[in-house]
Amino acid sequence: MEISTGDTAWVMISAALVLLMTPGLALFYGGMVRAKSVLNMIMMSIISMGVVGVLWVLFGFSLVFGNSFGGVIGDPTDFAGLGQLLSSGATLDGVPTLAFVGFQAAFAIIATALVSGAVADRMKFSAWVVFAAIWAVIVYFPAAHWVFSFDDSVSESGGFIANTIGAIDFAGGTAIHINAGAAALALALVVGPRMGFGRVPMRPHNLTMVMTGAAILWFGWFGFNAGSALGANDTAALAWVNTLLAPAAAMLAWLLIERVRDGHATSLGAASGIVAGLVGITPAAAAVEPLGAVIIGLLAGVCCALAVGLKYRFNIDDSLDVVGVHLVGGLVGTLAIGFLASPNTPDGSAGLFYGGGLGVLGAQALGALVVLVYSFVVTYILAKVLDMIMGLRVAPEVEQFGIDVVEHAESAYDLSQVGYSSRSVRHSIVIEAPEKVEN
């Protein structure tokens, strides 16, 4: 098929936008933790770019998009090292397959990084690196194969959720958000709550950073959703508009819940509502009309705002609300397709509210359940094994003192006196009063 330069440009731009989301997530997560662990939180996202990026080239893309073994996993030898894609001139819908490789690599990276928010302040960095590498291979790659690999696209045969169950997941509500949310729950259970959880205030140390991260995530998410059309077309246009509307509605809903429940509308609530809406619309971006996107946003905002408080009731320290936002938001968006899918959209499916039967809703529920259960069970076993082998958690004194200094030999904020000349440091420290400035 002849290469479309316009579509190729859009996919490559979208890939860059999605990759930018991981540093955005690092800022979002980093601002939400205490000052003594902000660098560690940021590094958990950044290291995922290195670990998953390399694995993706070596065999990850092949496991996800290679010819399927029974709809369960792709052939790791089909595209190992990606050299085959250079010589074959392969294309996908008029886009070079290598451009698609880069686009999907950014998905794999952020899916892995999302899980880290559940274990802020207390997980060994070395343990996280090992966990991230293995989790990507045994949890994300299979789930992505099931959901994203369609028959006769990159390869002749693909995953069973996409081709047998027929669940709709336009950009990763199941493969990424439900997957990461279920894994976050399992990992948080194994690692255990932070010292003082539920008793000691653990407020975000930098809400400006949180809002900046949320803004970058929203910006990048236009590539995440609209880029999944793999072309500059009507599908991308609908996904773009829906990606604007759902988080806008979710933010308003979250703030309303806060105002009624707590008496205040907070900046943290606004940022969290934006992300909840983005998560909710991800699987449905090309299957619902703009009004449907608003409804999904409102539902995601309300459900996620109520869900994040449950961790205190059940004493599960999901530190940065990965479960409450990504698992719950992913479920809301995935199941809402069964009601709100419109035959007027590029996807063409009809939900219950548009005269369809229970078929779409049943497929959505089954696809979500499969990914949720698989991710939780395998992640729990993986975390238990790693905990026995190398230990997942830092020592209590390290957690109390601050994980940044011990794990990375750095501090995010140097609060010592600065500005002394080398001579004054060598001989004596003289602090002169600043000159009076005339206004």
Protein backbone atom coordinates (compact mmCIF):
# COMPACT_ATOMS: atom_id res chain seq x y z
CA MET A 1 0.00 0.00 0.00
CA GLU A 2 1.27 3.47 -0.89
CA ILE A 3 2.46 5.53 2.06
CA SER A 4 0.30 8.52 2.99
CA THR A 5 2.64 11.30 4.09
CA GLY A 6 -0.16 13.15 5.88
CA ASP A 7 -1.26 10.13 7.89
CA THR A 8 2.35 9.20 8.62
CA ALA A 9 3.07 12.69 9.90
CA TRP A 10 0.03 12.56 12.18
CA VAL A 11 1.00 9.18 13.63
CA MET A 12 4.57 10.29 14.29
CA ILE A 13 3.41 13.53 15.92
CA SER A 14 0.93 11.53 17.99
CA ALA A 15 3.69 9.13 19.05
CA ALA A 16 5.73 12.08 20.29
CA LEU A 17 2.71 13.43 22.17
CA VAL A 18 2.13 10.07 23.86
CA LEU A 19 5.80 9.78 24.79
CA LEU A 20 5.60 13.27 26.34
CA MET A 21 2.86 11.94 28.60
CA THR A 22 5.35 9.90 30.63
CA PRO A 23 7.37 12.96 31.76
CA GLY A 24 3.97 14.60 32.33
CA LEU A 25 3.00 11.66 34.52
CA ALA A 26 6.31 12.00 36.35
CA LEU A 27 5.46 15.61 37.21
CA PHE A 28 1.87 14.71 38.12
CA TYR A 29 2.98 11.90 40.43
CA GLY A 30 6.04 13.79 41.68
CA GLY A 31 4.00 16.73 42.88
CA MET A 32 1.59 14.47 44.74
CA VAL A 33 4.18 12.88 47.02
CA ARG A 34 6.07 14.40 49.93
CA ALA A 35 9.19 16.46 49.22
CA LYS A 36 11.53 13.78 50.53
CA SER A 37 10.54 11.27 47.82
CA VAL A 38 9.77 13.39 44.75
CA LEU A 39 12.91 12.41 42.80
CA ASN A 40 12.28 8.72 43.40
CA MET A 41 8.72 9.09 42.16
CA ILE A 42 9.85 10.91 39.03
CA MET A 43 12.58 8.35 38.39
CA MET A 44 10.12 5.47 38.54
CA SER A 45 8.38 6.95 35.50
CA ILE A 46 11.56 7.97 33.67
CA ILE A 47 13.29 4.60 34.11
CA SER A 48 10.23 2.95 32.57
CA MET A 49 11.05 4.77 29.34
CA GLY A 50 14.45 3.10 29.25
CA VAL A 51 13.49 -0.38 30.41
CA VAL A 52 10.29 -0.81 28.39
CA GLY A 53 11.68 1.04 25.36
CA VAL A 54 14.55 -1.43 25.00
CA LEU A 55 12.36 -4.47 25.64
CA TRP A 56 9.88 -3.22 23.04
CA VAL A 57 12.54 -3.20 20.33
CA LEU A 58 14.09 -6.52 21.31
CA PHE A 59 10.91 -8.59 21.35
CA GLY A 60 8.02 -6.62 22.87
CA PHE A 61 6.51 -5.41 19.61
CA SER A 62 6.72 -8.94 18.27
CA LEU A 63 5.00 -10.40 21.34
CA VAL A 64 2.15 -7.92 20.91
CA PHE A 65 1.78 -7.81 17.12
CA GLY A 66 3.44 -10.99 15.87
CA ASN A 67 1.37 -13.89 14.55
CA SER A 68 -0.68 -15.14 17.44
CA PHE A 69 -0.34 -18.45 19.24
CA GLY A 70 -4.00 -19.24 19.88
CA GLY A 71 -4.96 -15.62 20.37
CA VAL A 72 -2.88 -15.49 23.57
CA ILE A 73 0.54 -14.10 22.61
CA GLY A 74 2.41 -13.10 19.47
CA ASP A 75 5.42 -14.89 18.03
CA PRO A 76 8.50 -13.24 19.61
CA THR A 77 10.64 -14.07 16.57
CA ASP A 78 8.46 -12.37 13.93
CA PHE A 79 9.78 -8.86 14.49
CA ALA A 80 12.60 -9.35 17.03
CA GLY A 81 14.96 -6.41 16.76
CA LEU A 82 12.66 -4.80 14.14
CA GLY A 83 15.14 -5.43 11.32
CA GLN A 84 12.49 -7.22 9.28
CA LEU A 85 10.47 -4.01 9.07
CA LEU A 86 13.38 -2.19 7.42
CA SER A 87 13.78 -4.61 4.55
CA SER A 88 10.12 -5.36 3.89
CA GLY A 89 8.87 -1.80 3.54
CA ALA A 90 5.86 -2.86 5.59
CA THR A 91 2.93 -0.47 5.98
CA LEU A 92 -0.22 -0.39 8.05
CA ASP A 93 -3.17 1.58 6.66
CA GLY A 94 -0.80 3.69 4.59
CA VAL A 95 1.58 4.34 7.48
CA PRO A 96 5.05 2.75 7.75
CA THR A 97 4.89 -0.02 10.32
CA LEU A 98 7.92 1.47 12.05
CA ALA A 99 5.88 4.60 12.79
CA PHE A 100 3.26 2.35 14.37
CA VAL A 101 6.05 0.65 16.35
CA GLY A 102 7.03 3.98 17.88
CA PHE A 103 3.42 4.92 18.60
CA GLN A 104 2.72 1.67 20.43
CA ALA A 105 6.05 1.82 22.29
CA ALA A 106 4.89 5.00 24.01
CA PHE A 107 1.72 3.16 25.10
CA ALA A 108 3.73 0.33 26.64
CA ILE A 109 5.96 2.78 28.51
CA ILE A 110 3.21 4.81 30.15
CA ALA A 111 1.17 1.72 31.03
CA THR A 112 4.10 0.44 33.07
CA ALA A 113 4.85 3.83 34.64
CA LEU A 114 1.24 4.22 35.79
CA VAL A 115 1.58 1.31 38.22
CA SER A 116 4.29 3.10 40.22
CA GLY A 117 1.85 5.56 41.75
CA ALA A 118 0.48 2.86 44.05
CA VAL A 119 3.78 2.37 45.90
CA ALA A 120 5.06 5.92 46.30
CA ASP A 121 7.48 6.68 49.15
CA ARG A 122 8.36 3.09 50.01
CA MET A 123 9.52 0.80 47.17
CA LYS A 124 13.17 0.13 46.43
CA PHE A 125 14.25 1.64 43.15
CA SER A 126 16.14 -1.51 42.16
CA ALA A 127 13.06 -3.60 42.91
CA TRP A 128 10.93 -1.29 40.79
CA VAL A 129 13.29 -1.63 37.81
CA VAL A 130 13.15 -5.43 37.97
CA PHE A 131 9.39 -5.41 38.54
CA ALA A 132 8.78 -3.02 35.63
CA ALA A 133 10.80 -5.15 33.22
CA ILE A 134 9.11 -8.42 34.14
CA TRP A 135 5.64 -6.90 34.41
CA ALA A 136 5.88 -5.43 30.94
CA VAL A 137 6.79 -8.84 29.51
CA ILE A 138 4.33 -11.10 31.33
CA VAL A 139 1.40 -8.73 31.91
CA TYR A 140 1.34 -5.76 29.56
CA PHE A 141 2.57 -7.43 26.37
CA PRO A 142 0.01 -10.28 26.55
CA ALA A 143 -2.87 -7.95 27.43
CA ALA A 144 -1.93 -5.56 24.64
CA HIS A 145 -1.84 -8.49 22.21
CA TRP A 146 -5.33 -9.55 23.24
CA VAL A 147 -6.78 -6.06 22.82
CA PHE A 148 -4.78 -4.26 20.10
CA SER A 149 -3.72 -7.01 17.69
CA PHE A 150 -6.39 -7.49 15.03
CA ASP A 151 -6.35 -10.26 12.45
CA ASP A 152 -4.82 -9.23 9.13
CA SER A 153 -3.42 -5.95 10.43
CA VAL A 154 0.27 -6.18 11.30
CA SER A 155 0.09 -9.99 11.19
CA GLU A 156 -2.39 -12.56 9.95
CA SER A 157 -3.68 -13.57 13.38
CA GLY A 158 -4.19 -11.49 16.52
CA GLY A 159 -5.51 -11.51 20.07
CA PHE A 160 -8.70 -13.14 21.32
CA ILE A 161 -10.32 -10.08 22.93
CA ALA A 162 -10.11 -8.06 19.73
CA ASN A 163 -11.06 -10.85 17.35
CA THR A 164 -13.12 -13.42 19.27
CA ILE A 165 -14.81 -11.51 22.09
CA GLY A 166 -15.01 -8.39 19.92
CA ALA A 167 -14.69 -5.89 22.77
CA ILE A 168 -14.24 -2.24 21.75
CA ASP A 169 -11.13 -0.57 23.16
CA PHE A 170 -10.11 2.23 20.86
CA ALA A 171 -7.00 3.42 22.69
CA GLY A 172 -6.42 1.30 25.77
CA GLY A 173 -9.13 1.46 28.44
CA THR A 174 -8.61 -2.23 29.19
CA ALA A 175 -5.06 -2.91 27.99
CA ILE A 176 -3.62 0.15 29.72
CA HIS A 177 -5.86 1.61 32.41
CA ILE A 178 -7.73 -1.39 33.80
CA ASN A 179 -4.52 -3.37 33.44
CA ALA A 180 -2.38 -0.83 35.30
CA GLY A 181 -5.08 -0.20 37.92
CA ALA A 182 -5.48 -3.89 38.75
CA ALA A 183 -1.69 -4.28 38.90
CA ALA A 184 -1.43 -1.26 41.17
CA LEU A 185 -3.93 -2.82 43.56
CA ALA A 186 -2.00 -6.08 43.70
CA LEU A 187 1.36 -4.36 44.18
CA ALA A 188 0.01 -2.08 46.92
CA LEU A 189 -1.34 -5.10 48.79
CA VAL A 190 2.01 -6.87 48.70
CA VAL A 191 4.14 -3.84 49.59
CA GLY A 192 1.77 -2.67 52.32
CA PRO A 193 0.77 0.82 53.46
CA ARG A 194 3.17 3.66 54.20
CA MET A 195 4.21 4.30 57.77
CA GLY A 196 1.49 6.40 59.36
CA PHE A 197 -1.02 5.81 56.58
CA GLY A 198 -4.45 6.99 57.68
CA ARG A 199 -3.00 8.74 60.75
CA VAL A 200 -0.28 11.10 59.53
CA PRO A 201 -1.09 13.77 56.91
CA MET A 202 0.60 12.94 53.60
CA ARG A 203 -0.25 15.97 51.53
CA PRO A 204 1.07 16.70 48.03
CA HIS A 205 4.21 18.77 48.36
CA ASN A 206 3.85 20.75 45.12
CA LEU A 207 0.41 21.26 43.62
CA THR A 208 1.83 23.54 40.93
CA MET A 209 3.78 20.54 39.67
CA VAL A 210 0.64 18.40 39.82
CA MET A 211 -1.34 20.86 37.70
CA THR A 212 1.52 21.17 35.21
CA GLY A 213 1.68 17.41 34.91
CA ALA A 214 -2.09 17.18 34.40
CA ALA A 215 -1.91 19.80 31.64
CA ILE A 216 0.86 17.87 29.87
CA LEU A 217 -1.14 14.67 30.19
CA TRP A 218 -4.22 16.29 28.67
CA PHE A 219 -2.12 17.73 25.84
CA GLY A 220 -0.45 14.39 25.14
CA TRP A 221 -3.73 12.53 25.37
CA PHE A 222 -4.87 14.09 22.09
CA GLY A 223 -2.12 12.01 20.49
CA PHE A 224 -3.07 9.04 22.65
CA ASN A 225 -6.68 8.97 21.46
CA ALA A 226 -6.82 10.83 18.16
CA GLY A 227 -3.55 9.23 17.08
CA SER A 228 -5.11 5.79 17.50
CA ALA A 229 -7.07 6.48 14.31
CA LEU A 230 -3.71 5.97 12.53
CA GLY A 231 -4.58 8.75 10.14
CA ALA A 232 -5.68 12.36 9.86
CA ASN A 233 -9.33 11.52 9.22
CA ASP A 234 -12.86 11.72 10.59
CA THR A 235 -12.12 9.11 13.26
CA ALA A 236 -9.23 11.21 14.57
CA ALA A 237 -11.42 14.32 14.53
CA LEU A 238 -14.15 12.67 16.63
CA ALA A 239 -11.59 11.23 19.05
CA TRP A 240 -10.00 14.67 19.40
CA VAL A 241 -13.29 16.38 20.23
CA ASN A 242 -14.29 13.64 22.66
CA THR A 243 -10.87 13.92 24.33
CA LEU A 244 -11.62 17.59 24.92
CA LEU A 245 -15.14 17.07 26.26
CA ALA A 246 -14.84 14.09 28.61
CA PRO A 247 -12.09 15.48 30.89
CA ALA A 248 -13.76 18.87 30.92
CA ALA A 249 -16.99 17.29 32.17
CA ALA A 250 -15.14 15.01 34.60
CA MET A 251 -13.27 17.94 36.13
CA LEU A 252 -16.55 19.76 36.77
CA ALA A 253 -18.14 16.64 38.26
CA TRP A 254 -15.17 15.97 40.56
CA LEU A 255 -15.12 19.55 41.80
CA LEU A 256 -18.87 19.45 42.46
CA ILE A 257 -18.47 16.29 44.53
CA GLU A 258 -15.67 17.97 46.51
CA ARG A 259 -17.70 21.13 47.04
CA VAL A 260 -20.73 19.25 48.32
CA ARG A 261 -18.80 16.71 50.38
CA ASP A 262 -15.90 18.79 51.73
CA GLY A 263 -16.93 22.39 51.21
CA HIS A 264 -13.99 23.16 48.91
CA ALA A 265 -13.12 22.72 45.25
CA THR A 266 -9.40 21.93 45.15
CA SER A 267 -6.73 22.14 42.50
CA LEU A 268 -5.81 18.51 43.22
CA GLY A 269 -9.44 17.60 42.56
CA ALA A 270 -9.41 19.50 39.27
CA ALA A 271 -6.24 17.71 38.13
CA SER A 272 -7.56 14.32 39.23
CA GLY A 273 -10.89 14.95 37.51
CA ILE A 274 -9.12 15.77 34.25
CA VAL A 275 -7.20 12.49 34.36
CA ALA A 276 -10.34 10.53 35.32
CA GLY A 277 -12.17 11.90 32.29
CA LEU A 278 -9.25 11.14 30.00
CA VAL A 279 -9.14 7.57 31.26
CA GLY A 280 -12.89 7.16 30.83
CA ILE A 281 -13.01 8.34 27.21
CA THR A 282 -9.95 6.39 26.08
CA PRO A 283 -11.72 3.13 25.10
CA ALA A 284 -14.78 4.98 23.75
CA ALA A 285 -13.22 7.87 21.82
CA ALA A 286 -14.35 6.66 18.39
CA ALA A 287 -17.52 4.83 19.48
CA VAL A 288 -19.59 7.58 21.16
CA GLU A 289 -20.96 10.90 20.01
CA PRO A 290 -19.80 14.13 21.69
CA LEU A 291 -22.79 14.07 24.03
CA GLY A 292 -21.82 10.56 24.99
CA ALA A 293 -18.31 11.79 25.79
CA VAL A 294 -19.79 14.39 28.16
CA ILE A 295 -21.84 11.68 29.89
CA ILE A 296 -18.81 9.41 30.23
CA GLY A 297 -16.84 12.33 31.66
CA LEU A 298 -19.51 13.10 34.24
CA LEU A 299 -19.74 9.44 35.25
CA ALA A 300 -15.97 9.08 35.49
CA GLY A 301 -15.64 12.26 37.54
CA VAL A 302 -18.30 11.21 40.05
CA CYS A 303 -17.29 7.55 40.32
CA CYS A 304 -13.57 8.21 40.63
CA ALA A 305 -14.03 11.05 43.13
CA LEU A 306 -16.03 8.71 45.34
CA ALA A 307 -13.74 5.72 44.77
CA VAL A 308 -10.47 7.32 45.86
CA GLY A 309 -11.64 7.55 49.47
CA LEU A 310 -12.27 3.81 49.74
CA LYS A 311 -8.56 3.09 50.27
CA TYR A 312 -8.86 4.45 53.81
CA ARG A 313 -11.88 2.28 54.56
CA PHE A 314 -10.09 -0.88 53.41
CA ASN A 315 -6.60 0.20 54.55
CA ILE A 316 -5.13 -0.25 51.08
CA ASP A 317 -2.50 2.41 50.50
CA ASP A 318 -2.92 3.13 46.80
CA SER A 319 -0.76 6.19 47.36
CA LEU A 320 -1.60 8.26 44.27
CA ASP A 321 -5.03 6.79 43.47
CA VAL A 322 -4.08 4.59 40.54
CA VAL A 323 -6.88 2.19 41.45
CA GLY A 324 -9.45 4.88 42.14
CA VAL A 325 -8.75 6.76 38.91
CA HIS A 326 -7.37 4.32 36.35
CA LEU A 327 -9.08 1.07 37.30
CA VAL A 328 -12.43 2.69 38.12
CA GLY A 329 -12.24 5.20 35.25
CA GLY A 330 -11.24 2.47 32.82
CA LEU A 331 -14.19 0.33 33.91
CA VAL A 332 -16.59 3.26 33.59
CA GLY A 333 -15.47 4.07 30.06
CA THR A 334 -15.31 0.46 28.90
CA LEU A 335 -18.75 -0.47 30.21
CA ALA A 336 -20.34 2.81 29.10
CA ILE A 337 -19.68 1.80 25.50
CA GLY A 338 -22.30 -0.90 25.96
CA PHE A 339 -24.89 1.83 26.57
CA LEU A 340 -23.62 4.83 24.61
CA ALA A 341 -21.98 3.40 21.48
CA SER A 342 -23.57 5.10 18.49
CA PRO A 343 -23.96 3.67 14.99
CA ASN A 344 -23.35 7.20 13.68
CA THR A 345 -19.71 7.06 14.75
CA PRO A 346 -16.79 5.59 12.76
CA ASP A 347 -16.88 2.49 14.97
CA GLY A 348 -20.52 1.91 13.97
CA SER A 349 -21.54 -0.16 16.99
CA ALA A 350 -24.90 0.37 18.68
CA GLY A 351 -25.23 0.35 22.46
CA LEU A 352 -28.41 -0.16 24.45
CA PHE A 353 -29.39 3.51 24.24
CA TYR A 354 -29.13 3.40 20.44
CA GLY A 355 -31.23 0.32 19.82
CA GLY A 356 -28.53 -2.28 20.23
CA GLY A 357 -28.92 -5.39 22.32
CA LEU A 358 -26.82 -6.71 25.16
CA GLY A 359 -24.11 -7.99 22.84
CA VAL A 360 -21.87 -4.93 23.01
CA LEU A 361 -22.25 -4.58 26.77
CA GLY A 362 -21.52 -8.27 27.29
CA ALA A 363 -18.37 -8.11 25.18
CA GLN A 364 -17.20 -5.02 27.05
CA ALA A 365 -17.78 -6.60 30.44
CA LEU A 366 -16.04 -9.85 29.49
CA GLY A 367 -13.03 -8.09 27.99
CA ALA A 368 -12.64 -5.89 31.07
CA LEU A 369 -13.01 -8.83 33.44
CA VAL A 370 -10.39 -10.94 31.65
CA VAL A 371 -7.77 -8.18 31.74
CA LEU A 372 -8.58 -7.20 35.33
CA VAL A 373 -8.33 -10.73 36.72
CA TYR A 374 -5.24 -11.66 34.72
CA SER A 375 -3.40 -8.48 35.65
CA PHE A 376 -4.25 -8.70 39.35
CA VAL A 377 -3.39 -12.38 39.78
CA VAL A 378 -0.14 -12.37 37.78
CA THR A 379 1.04 -9.08 39.32
CA TYR A 380 0.31 -10.34 42.83
CA ILE A 381 2.32 -13.52 42.22
CA LEU A 382 5.16 -11.55 40.62
CA ALA A 383 5.29 -9.09 43.52
CA LYS A 384 5.28 -11.91 46.09
CA VAL A 385 8.14 -13.72 44.34
CA LEU A 386 10.24 -10.58 44.01
CA ASP A 387 9.57 -9.69 47.63
CA MET A 388 10.93 -13.07 48.71
CA ILE A 389 13.96 -12.85 46.42
CA MET A 390 15.10 -9.25 46.79
CA GLY A 391 12.62 -7.42 48.99
CA LEU A 392 10.35 -4.74 47.56
CA ARG A 393 10.29 -2.24 50.38
CA VAL A 394 12.95 0.08 51.77
CA ALA A 395 13.86 -0.14 55.44
CA PRO A 396 11.63 1.80 57.88
CA GLU A 397 14.39 4.28 58.66
CA VAL A 398 14.88 4.97 54.95
CA GLU A 399 11.16 5.59 54.48
CA GLN A 400 11.12 7.90 57.46
CA PHE A 401 14.26 9.83 56.52
CA GLY A 402 13.47 10.11 52.85
CA ILE A 403 13.90 7.73 49.95
CA ASP A 404 15.49 10.32 47.63
CA VAL A 405 18.68 10.76 49.62
CA VAL A 406 19.19 7.07 50.37
CA GLU A 407 18.20 5.57 47.01
CA HIS A 408 19.52 8.29 44.70
CA ALA A 409 21.99 10.34 46.80
CA GLU A 410 20.08 13.45 45.76
CA SER A 411 17.53 15.87 47.10
CA ALA A 412 14.96 17.63 44.95
CA TYR A 413 15.27 20.89 46.85
CA ASP A 414 18.61 22.17 48.12
CA LEU A 415 17.59 24.47 50.94
CA SER A 416 21.13 25.24 52.10
CA GLN A 417 22.58 28.75 51.82
CA VAL A 418 23.87 29.52 48.36
CA GLY A 419 25.79 32.32 46.75
CA TYR A 420 28.96 32.31 48.81
CA SER A 421 32.23 32.84 46.96
CA SER A 422 34.85 30.14 47.19
CA ARG A 423 37.06 32.55 49.15
CA SER A 424 34.39 33.28 51.74
CA VAL A 425 33.73 29.56 52.17
CA ARG A 426 37.43 28.83 52.66
CA HIS A 427 38.08 31.60 55.16
CA SER A 428 34.92 32.84 56.79
CA ILE A 429 31.25 33.13 56.02
CA VAL A 430 30.14 36.73 55.90
CA ILE A 431 26.49 37.46 55.28
CA GLU A 432 25.99 41.04 54.27
CA ALA A 433 22.65 42.73 54.49
CA PRO A 434 21.17 43.39 51.07
CA GLU A 435 21.32 46.94 49.89
CA LYS A 436 18.17 48.92 50.32
CA VAL A 437 16.28 49.18 47.09
CA GLU A 438 14.60 52.48 46.44
CA ASN A 439 11.14 52.08 44.97
